[in-house]
Amino acid sequence: MSPGLVQAQPAGCSHVDAAQAQENAVPLCVLSPEGGLVARFSVEIADTDEKRAQGLMGRTQLKPGAGMLFVYPSPRPVAFWMHNTLIPLDMIFVDDAGCITTVHANARPLDETPIPSRGPAQYVLEIGGGQAARLGLFPGMVLQPLP
């Protein structure tokens, strides 16, 4: 577990609805700065160069509550683009303590303009475009558990 994260999982964090679950996906929760459960996701993990390079390219849909968590070995400035990505995405940049630092809403499909982390990130959560706003996600919230 990353330093600075609450050790106890909030109620419901280990459970993800069957409708949200995808093969090879793990549960991931977003907590308020006070530790309350804000949202649950079922995420695929992209923790190798190959998986990070592929990301969500070529997908024609992403179910609500599903996403991909990009994991880097250490914090670093990162930039994403939407090359060969066919659906709008929200990109949530997260530091090594699991805290959301930046939310980039509605990245445009097929746009190759770099979207920077605006600081070191160890994790990036991609979810369907518009979900971050609907859920009220903002910097200071925490992702848990992280690999």
N, C-alpha and C. Protein backbone atom coordinates (compact mmCIF):
# COMPACT_ATOMS: atom_id res chain seq x y z
N MET A 1 0.84 -1.17 0.00
CA MET A 1 0.00 0.00 0.00
C MET A 1 0.89 1.24 0.00
N SER A 2 0.46 2.27 -0.70
CA SER A 2 1.23 3.50 -0.81
C SER A 2 1.25 4.24 0.52
N PRO A 3 2.34 4.96 0.80
CA PRO A 3 2.40 5.73 2.03
C PRO A 3 1.29 6.77 2.07
N GLY A 4 0.78 7.04 3.25
CA GLY A 4 -0.21 8.07 3.41
C GLY A 4 -1.64 7.63 3.19
N LEU A 5 -1.87 6.40 2.74
CA LEU A 5 -3.23 5.94 2.53
C LEU A 5 -3.78 5.33 3.80
N VAL A 6 -5.06 5.47 3.98
CA VAL A 6 -5.74 4.86 5.10
C VAL A 6 -5.63 3.35 4.95
N GLN A 7 -5.28 2.66 6.01
CA GLN A 7 -5.07 1.21 5.93
C GLN A 7 -6.37 0.43 5.79
N ALA A 8 -7.42 0.87 6.45
CA ALA A 8 -8.68 0.14 6.40
C ALA A 8 -9.44 0.49 5.13
N GLN A 9 -9.98 -0.54 4.48
CA GLN A 9 -10.79 -0.28 3.30
C GLN A 9 -12.17 0.18 3.75
N PRO A 10 -12.74 1.20 3.09
CA PRO A 10 -14.09 1.60 3.44
C PRO A 10 -15.08 0.51 3.09
N ALA A 11 -16.18 0.50 3.80
CA ALA A 11 -17.22 -0.50 3.53
C ALA A 11 -17.60 -0.43 2.06
N GLY A 12 -17.66 -1.56 1.41
CA GLY A 12 -18.07 -1.62 0.01
C GLY A 12 -16.94 -1.45 -0.98
N CYS A 13 -15.73 -1.14 -0.52
CA CYS A 13 -14.64 -0.91 -1.47
C CYS A 13 -14.18 -2.20 -2.13
N SER A 14 -14.29 -3.32 -1.45
CA SER A 14 -13.85 -4.58 -2.05
C SER A 14 -14.92 -5.16 -2.96
N HIS A 15 -16.13 -4.63 -2.89
CA HIS A 15 -17.23 -5.15 -3.70
C HIS A 15 -17.49 -4.23 -4.88
N VAL A 16 -17.56 -4.79 -6.05
CA VAL A 16 -17.95 -4.05 -7.25
C VAL A 16 -19.10 -4.81 -7.87
N ASP A 17 -20.16 -4.10 -8.24
CA ASP A 17 -21.32 -4.75 -8.82
C ASP A 17 -20.92 -5.62 -10.01
N ALA A 18 -21.57 -6.77 -10.14
CA ALA A 18 -21.27 -7.69 -11.24
C ALA A 18 -21.42 -7.01 -12.59
N ALA A 19 -22.36 -6.08 -12.70
CA ALA A 19 -22.56 -5.37 -13.96
C ALA A 19 -21.35 -4.50 -14.30
N GLN A 20 -20.62 -4.04 -13.28
CA GLN A 20 -19.46 -3.20 -13.52
C GLN A 20 -18.21 -4.03 -13.77
N ALA A 21 -18.16 -5.22 -13.21
CA ALA A 21 -16.93 -6.01 -13.23
C ALA A 21 -16.57 -6.43 -14.65
N GLN A 22 -15.29 -6.42 -14.94
CA GLN A 22 -14.77 -6.90 -16.20
C GLN A 22 -13.70 -7.93 -15.89
N GLU A 23 -13.45 -8.79 -16.86
CA GLU A 23 -12.39 -9.77 -16.69
C GLU A 23 -11.06 -9.07 -16.42
N ASN A 24 -10.27 -9.62 -15.52
CA ASN A 24 -8.97 -9.07 -15.15
C ASN A 24 -9.06 -7.68 -14.54
N ALA A 25 -10.19 -7.36 -13.92
CA ALA A 25 -10.36 -6.05 -13.30
C ALA A 25 -10.35 -6.19 -11.78
N VAL A 26 -9.96 -5.12 -11.13
CA VAL A 26 -9.91 -5.09 -9.67
C VAL A 26 -10.73 -3.90 -9.17
N PRO A 27 -11.22 -3.98 -7.93
CA PRO A 27 -11.98 -2.86 -7.39
C PRO A 27 -11.07 -1.70 -7.02
N LEU A 28 -11.59 -0.50 -7.20
CA LEU A 28 -10.87 0.72 -6.84
C LEU A 28 -11.91 1.71 -6.34
N CYS A 29 -11.66 2.32 -5.20
CA CYS A 29 -12.60 3.28 -4.63
C CYS A 29 -12.00 4.67 -4.64
N VAL A 30 -12.88 5.65 -4.73
CA VAL A 30 -12.51 7.05 -4.56
C VAL A 30 -13.12 7.49 -3.23
N LEU A 31 -12.26 8.04 -2.38
CA LEU A 31 -12.69 8.50 -1.06
C LEU A 31 -12.62 10.02 -1.00
N SER A 32 -13.53 10.60 -0.24
CA SER A 32 -13.47 12.04 0.00
C SER A 32 -12.25 12.34 0.86
N PRO A 33 -11.83 13.61 0.96
CA PRO A 33 -10.70 13.94 1.82
C PRO A 33 -10.93 13.50 3.28
N GLU A 34 -12.19 13.38 3.68
CA GLU A 34 -12.52 12.94 5.04
C GLU A 34 -12.57 11.42 5.17
N GLY A 35 -12.45 10.70 4.05
CA GLY A 35 -12.43 9.24 4.07
C GLY A 35 -13.73 8.57 3.71
N GLY A 36 -14.77 9.31 3.36
CA GLY A 36 -16.04 8.71 2.96
C GLY A 36 -16.00 8.19 1.53
N LEU A 37 -16.75 7.13 1.28
CA LEU A 37 -16.81 6.53 -0.06
C LEU A 37 -17.57 7.43 -1.02
N VAL A 38 -16.92 7.81 -2.12
CA VAL A 38 -17.53 8.66 -3.15
C VAL A 38 -17.95 7.83 -4.35
N ALA A 39 -17.09 6.89 -4.78
CA ALA A 39 -17.36 6.10 -5.98
C ALA A 39 -16.57 4.80 -5.94
N ARG A 40 -17.11 3.79 -6.62
CA ARG A 40 -16.42 2.51 -6.80
C ARG A 40 -16.26 2.27 -8.29
N PHE A 41 -15.09 1.72 -8.64
CA PHE A 41 -14.82 1.37 -10.03
C PHE A 41 -14.29 -0.05 -10.10
N SER A 42 -14.43 -0.63 -11.26
CA SER A 42 -13.80 -1.89 -11.60
C SER A 42 -12.78 -1.55 -12.68
N VAL A 43 -11.48 -1.66 -12.35
CA VAL A 43 -10.45 -1.17 -13.27
C VAL A 43 -9.51 -2.26 -13.74
N GLU A 44 -9.14 -2.14 -14.98
CA GLU A 44 -8.05 -2.95 -15.52
C GLU A 44 -6.76 -2.25 -15.13
N ILE A 45 -5.71 -3.02 -14.89
CA ILE A 45 -4.43 -2.45 -14.48
C ILE A 45 -3.47 -2.45 -15.66
N ALA A 46 -2.90 -1.28 -15.94
CA ALA A 46 -1.88 -1.13 -16.99
C ALA A 46 -0.57 -0.81 -16.27
N ASP A 47 0.21 -1.85 -15.98
CA ASP A 47 1.42 -1.66 -15.17
C ASP A 47 2.71 -2.08 -15.87
N THR A 48 2.62 -2.29 -17.18
CA THR A 48 3.82 -2.56 -17.97
C THR A 48 3.87 -1.54 -19.11
N ASP A 49 5.05 -1.37 -19.72
CA ASP A 49 5.15 -0.44 -20.84
C ASP A 49 4.16 -0.80 -21.95
N GLU A 50 4.02 -2.09 -22.22
CA GLU A 50 3.13 -2.54 -23.30
C GLU A 50 1.67 -2.21 -22.97
N LYS A 51 1.24 -2.50 -21.75
CA LYS A 51 -0.15 -2.23 -21.36
C LYS A 51 -0.43 -0.73 -21.32
N ARG A 52 0.54 0.04 -20.83
CA ARG A 52 0.35 1.49 -20.80
C ARG A 52 0.28 2.06 -22.21
N ALA A 53 1.09 1.54 -23.12
CA ALA A 53 1.09 2.03 -24.51
C ALA A 53 -0.25 1.72 -25.19
N GLN A 54 -0.82 0.55 -24.91
CA GLN A 54 -2.10 0.17 -25.52
C GLN A 54 -3.27 0.91 -24.89
N GLY A 55 -3.27 1.01 -23.57
CA GLY A 55 -4.35 1.71 -22.87
C GLY A 55 -5.72 1.28 -23.33
N LEU A 56 -6.58 2.24 -23.55
CA LEU A 56 -7.96 1.96 -23.98
C LEU A 56 -8.15 2.19 -25.48
N MET A 57 -7.05 2.19 -26.24
CA MET A 57 -7.15 2.39 -27.69
C MET A 57 -8.02 1.29 -28.32
N GLY A 58 -8.80 1.70 -29.28
CA GLY A 58 -9.61 0.76 -30.05
C GLY A 58 -10.92 0.36 -29.40
N ARG A 59 -11.14 0.75 -28.16
CA ARG A 59 -12.40 0.41 -27.49
C ARG A 59 -13.53 1.28 -28.04
N THR A 60 -14.70 0.68 -28.20
CA THR A 60 -15.85 1.43 -28.70
C THR A 60 -16.81 1.80 -27.58
N GLN A 61 -16.58 1.26 -26.38
CA GLN A 61 -17.40 1.62 -25.24
C GLN A 61 -16.65 1.32 -23.95
N LEU A 62 -17.09 1.98 -22.89
CA LEU A 62 -16.57 1.75 -21.55
C LEU A 62 -17.77 1.89 -20.63
N LYS A 63 -18.11 0.81 -19.96
CA LYS A 63 -19.30 0.82 -19.10
C LYS A 63 -19.11 1.80 -17.94
N PRO A 64 -20.21 2.41 -17.49
CA PRO A 64 -20.12 3.24 -16.29
C PRO A 64 -19.55 2.41 -15.14
N GLY A 65 -18.65 2.99 -14.39
CA GLY A 65 -18.04 2.27 -13.27
C GLY A 65 -16.83 1.44 -13.67
N ALA A 66 -16.50 1.43 -14.95
CA ALA A 66 -15.32 0.69 -15.42
C ALA A 66 -14.24 1.70 -15.78
N GLY A 67 -13.00 1.23 -15.82
CA GLY A 67 -11.92 2.11 -16.20
C GLY A 67 -10.60 1.37 -16.29
N MET A 68 -9.54 2.14 -16.44
CA MET A 68 -8.19 1.59 -16.49
C MET A 68 -7.31 2.43 -15.58
N LEU A 69 -6.50 1.74 -14.76
CA LEU A 69 -5.56 2.42 -13.88
C LEU A 69 -4.16 2.18 -14.42
N PHE A 70 -3.50 3.27 -14.81
CA PHE A 70 -2.12 3.22 -15.28
C PHE A 70 -1.22 3.36 -14.05
N VAL A 71 -0.28 2.43 -13.91
CA VAL A 71 0.60 2.40 -12.74
C VAL A 71 2.04 2.56 -13.21
N TYR A 72 2.74 3.52 -12.62
CA TYR A 72 4.16 3.75 -12.93
C TYR A 72 4.99 3.33 -11.72
N PRO A 73 6.24 2.88 -11.95
CA PRO A 73 7.08 2.41 -10.84
C PRO A 73 7.39 3.49 -9.81
N SER A 74 7.40 4.76 -10.24
CA SER A 74 7.67 5.87 -9.32
C SER A 74 7.00 7.12 -9.88
N PRO A 75 6.80 8.13 -9.06
CA PRO A 75 6.17 9.36 -9.55
C PRO A 75 7.01 10.04 -10.62
N ARG A 76 6.32 10.62 -11.60
CA ARG A 76 6.99 11.31 -12.71
C ARG A 76 5.97 12.16 -13.44
N PRO A 77 6.41 13.21 -14.11
CA PRO A 77 5.49 13.92 -14.99
C PRO A 77 5.10 12.98 -16.15
N VAL A 78 3.84 12.92 -16.46
CA VAL A 78 3.36 12.09 -17.57
C VAL A 78 2.43 12.93 -18.44
N ALA A 79 2.28 12.50 -19.67
CA ALA A 79 1.33 13.13 -20.58
C ALA A 79 0.64 12.02 -21.38
N PHE A 80 -0.65 12.18 -21.56
CA PHE A 80 -1.45 11.21 -22.30
C PHE A 80 -1.98 11.89 -23.55
N TRP A 81 -2.37 11.06 -24.52
CA TRP A 81 -3.03 11.54 -25.72
C TRP A 81 -4.12 10.55 -26.07
N MET A 82 -4.91 10.87 -27.07
CA MET A 82 -6.05 10.03 -27.41
C MET A 82 -5.86 9.34 -28.77
N HIS A 83 -4.61 9.12 -29.14
CA HIS A 83 -4.29 8.42 -30.39
C HIS A 83 -5.03 7.08 -30.44
N ASN A 84 -5.80 6.85 -31.48
CA ASN A 84 -6.57 5.61 -31.69
C ASN A 84 -7.53 5.30 -30.55
N THR A 85 -7.89 6.31 -29.75
CA THR A 85 -8.88 6.12 -28.69
C THR A 85 -10.20 6.67 -29.21
N LEU A 86 -11.21 5.81 -29.23
CA LEU A 86 -12.45 6.10 -29.94
C LEU A 86 -13.56 6.67 -29.06
N ILE A 87 -13.35 6.72 -27.75
CA ILE A 87 -14.37 7.19 -26.82
C ILE A 87 -13.81 8.33 -25.97
N PRO A 88 -14.65 9.29 -25.56
CA PRO A 88 -14.16 10.36 -24.68
C PRO A 88 -13.81 9.78 -23.31
N LEU A 89 -12.77 10.32 -22.70
CA LEU A 89 -12.32 9.83 -21.40
C LEU A 89 -12.05 10.99 -20.45
N ASP A 90 -12.26 10.72 -19.17
CA ASP A 90 -11.76 11.60 -18.12
C ASP A 90 -10.46 10.99 -17.64
N MET A 91 -9.43 11.82 -17.47
CA MET A 91 -8.12 11.37 -16.98
C MET A 91 -7.89 11.97 -15.61
N ILE A 92 -7.65 11.12 -14.65
CA ILE A 92 -7.49 11.55 -13.27
C ILE A 92 -6.06 11.21 -12.85
N PHE A 93 -5.26 12.24 -12.64
CA PHE A 93 -3.86 12.08 -12.29
C PHE A 93 -3.73 12.02 -10.77
N VAL A 94 -2.90 11.07 -10.30
CA VAL A 94 -2.84 10.74 -8.88
C VAL A 94 -1.38 10.65 -8.45
N ASP A 95 -1.06 11.21 -7.29
CA ASP A 95 0.32 11.18 -6.80
C ASP A 95 0.64 9.85 -6.11
N ASP A 96 1.86 9.75 -5.57
CA ASP A 96 2.30 8.49 -4.97
C ASP A 96 1.59 8.17 -3.66
N ALA A 97 0.91 9.14 -3.06
CA ALA A 97 0.15 8.90 -1.83
C ALA A 97 -1.30 8.51 -2.14
N GLY A 98 -1.66 8.47 -3.44
CA GLY A 98 -3.01 8.10 -3.82
C GLY A 98 -3.96 9.28 -3.93
N CYS A 99 -3.46 10.50 -3.77
CA CYS A 99 -4.31 11.70 -3.83
C CYS A 99 -4.46 12.19 -5.27
N ILE A 100 -5.69 12.50 -5.63
CA ILE A 100 -5.94 13.10 -6.94
C ILE A 100 -5.31 14.48 -6.97
N THR A 101 -4.52 14.73 -8.03
CA THR A 101 -3.88 16.04 -8.18
C THR A 101 -4.52 16.86 -9.30
N THR A 102 -4.98 16.20 -10.35
CA THR A 102 -5.55 16.88 -11.51
C THR A 102 -6.64 16.01 -12.12
N VAL A 103 -7.72 16.64 -12.55
CA VAL A 103 -8.77 15.94 -13.29
C VAL A 103 -8.89 16.63 -14.65
N HIS A 104 -8.65 15.87 -15.71
CA HIS A 104 -8.84 16.38 -17.07
C HIS A 104 -10.12 15.74 -17.61
N ALA A 105 -11.13 16.55 -17.83
CA ALA A 105 -12.44 16.04 -18.24
C ALA A 105 -12.57 15.97 -19.76
N ASN A 106 -13.25 14.93 -20.20
CA ASN A 106 -13.67 14.77 -21.60
C ASN A 106 -12.57 14.96 -22.63
N ALA A 107 -11.51 14.18 -22.50
CA ALA A 107 -10.50 14.16 -23.56
C ALA A 107 -11.17 13.70 -24.85
N ARG A 108 -10.88 14.40 -25.93
CA ARG A 108 -11.55 14.16 -27.21
C ARG A 108 -10.99 12.93 -27.93
N PRO A 109 -11.88 12.06 -28.42
CA PRO A 109 -11.42 10.90 -29.18
C PRO A 109 -10.52 11.31 -30.34
N LEU A 110 -9.47 10.53 -30.56
CA LEU A 110 -8.53 10.64 -31.66
C LEU A 110 -7.67 11.91 -31.63
N ASP A 111 -7.78 12.73 -30.60
CA ASP A 111 -6.99 13.96 -30.48
C ASP A 111 -5.58 13.59 -30.00
N GLU A 112 -4.58 14.05 -30.71
CA GLU A 112 -3.20 13.72 -30.37
C GLU A 112 -2.50 14.83 -29.58
N THR A 113 -3.26 15.80 -29.09
CA THR A 113 -2.70 16.85 -28.25
C THR A 113 -2.33 16.26 -26.89
N PRO A 114 -1.09 16.45 -26.43
CA PRO A 114 -0.70 15.89 -25.12
C PRO A 114 -1.52 16.51 -23.97
N ILE A 115 -1.89 15.66 -23.04
CA ILE A 115 -2.60 16.07 -21.83
C ILE A 115 -1.65 15.78 -20.66
N PRO A 116 -1.03 16.85 -20.10
CA PRO A 116 -0.01 16.65 -19.07
C PRO A 116 -0.58 16.48 -17.67
N SER A 117 0.20 15.83 -16.82
CA SER A 117 -0.19 15.61 -15.43
C SER A 117 -0.06 16.86 -14.58
N ARG A 118 0.67 17.86 -15.03
CA ARG A 118 0.91 19.11 -14.29
C ARG A 118 1.61 18.87 -12.96
N GLY A 119 2.48 17.88 -12.94
CA GLY A 119 3.23 17.54 -11.75
C GLY A 119 3.48 16.04 -11.73
N PRO A 120 4.25 15.55 -10.77
CA PRO A 120 4.53 14.11 -10.73
C PRO A 120 3.25 13.29 -10.47
N ALA A 121 3.09 12.21 -11.21
CA ALA A 121 1.98 11.28 -11.02
C ALA A 121 2.54 9.87 -11.00
N GLN A 122 2.01 9.04 -10.14
CA GLN A 122 2.38 7.63 -10.14
C GLN A 122 1.25 6.78 -10.71
N TYR A 123 0.04 7.35 -10.71
CA TYR A 123 -1.14 6.63 -11.20
C TYR A 123 -1.96 7.58 -12.06
N VAL A 124 -2.62 7.00 -13.06
CA VAL A 124 -3.60 7.75 -13.85
C VAL A 124 -4.80 6.85 -14.02
N LEU A 125 -5.96 7.35 -13.62
CA LEU A 125 -7.21 6.62 -13.77
C LEU A 125 -7.95 7.18 -14.97
N GLU A 126 -8.29 6.33 -15.93
CA GLU A 126 -9.12 6.73 -17.06
C GLU A 126 -10.50 6.12 -16.89
N ILE A 127 -11.52 6.98 -16.96
CA ILE A 127 -12.91 6.55 -16.88
C ILE A 127 -13.66 7.23 -18.01
N GLY A 128 -14.89 6.82 -18.23
CA GLY A 128 -15.69 7.38 -19.31
C GLY A 128 -15.84 8.88 -19.19
N GLY A 129 -15.80 9.56 -20.32
CA GLY A 129 -15.92 11.01 -20.35
C GLY A 129 -17.19 11.49 -19.65
N GLY A 130 -17.03 12.47 -18.77
CA GLY A 130 -18.14 13.05 -18.04
C GLY A 130 -18.41 12.43 -16.68
N GLN A 131 -17.84 11.24 -16.42
CA GLN A 131 -18.11 10.58 -15.13
C GLN A 131 -17.51 11.34 -13.95
N ALA A 132 -16.33 11.92 -14.12
CA ALA A 132 -15.70 12.64 -13.02
C ALA A 132 -16.60 13.78 -12.55
N ALA A 133 -17.17 14.54 -13.48
CA ALA A 133 -18.06 15.64 -13.12
C ALA A 133 -19.34 15.11 -12.48
N ARG A 134 -19.93 14.06 -13.06
CA ARG A 134 -21.16 13.50 -12.49
C ARG A 134 -20.95 13.01 -11.06
N LEU A 135 -19.77 12.47 -10.78
CA LEU A 135 -19.48 11.95 -9.45
C LEU A 135 -18.92 13.02 -8.51
N GLY A 136 -18.57 14.17 -9.05
CA GLY A 136 -18.01 15.24 -8.23
C GLY A 136 -16.57 14.99 -7.81
N LEU A 137 -15.78 14.33 -8.66
CA LEU A 137 -14.38 14.04 -8.31
C LEU A 137 -13.55 15.32 -8.43
N PHE A 138 -12.64 15.51 -7.47
CA PHE A 138 -11.80 16.71 -7.48
C PHE A 138 -10.47 16.43 -6.78
N PRO A 139 -9.46 17.29 -7.03
CA PRO A 139 -8.17 17.12 -6.37
C PRO A 139 -8.33 17.09 -4.85
N GLY A 140 -7.55 16.21 -4.22
CA GLY A 140 -7.61 16.01 -2.78
C GLY A 140 -8.33 14.74 -2.40
N MET A 141 -9.17 14.22 -3.30
CA MET A 141 -9.78 12.92 -3.04
C MET A 141 -8.71 11.85 -3.16
N VAL A 142 -8.99 10.67 -2.63
CA VAL A 142 -7.98 9.60 -2.55
C VAL A 142 -8.49 8.34 -3.23
N LEU A 143 -7.59 7.66 -3.97
CA LEU A 143 -7.90 6.36 -4.55
C LEU A 143 -7.39 5.27 -3.61
N GLN A 144 -8.19 4.21 -3.47
CA GLN A 144 -7.79 3.12 -2.59
C GLN A 144 -8.53 1.86 -2.98
N PRO A 145 -7.99 0.67 -2.88
CA PRO A 145 -6.55 0.41 -2.66
C PRO A 145 -5.79 0.56 -3.96
N LEU A 146 -4.52 0.86 -3.87
CA LEU A 146 -3.67 0.97 -5.05
C LEU A 146 -2.68 -0.18 -5.04
N PRO A 147 -2.34 -0.67 -6.26
CA PRO A 147 -1.38 -1.78 -6.33
C PRO A 147 -0.01 -1.37 -5.83
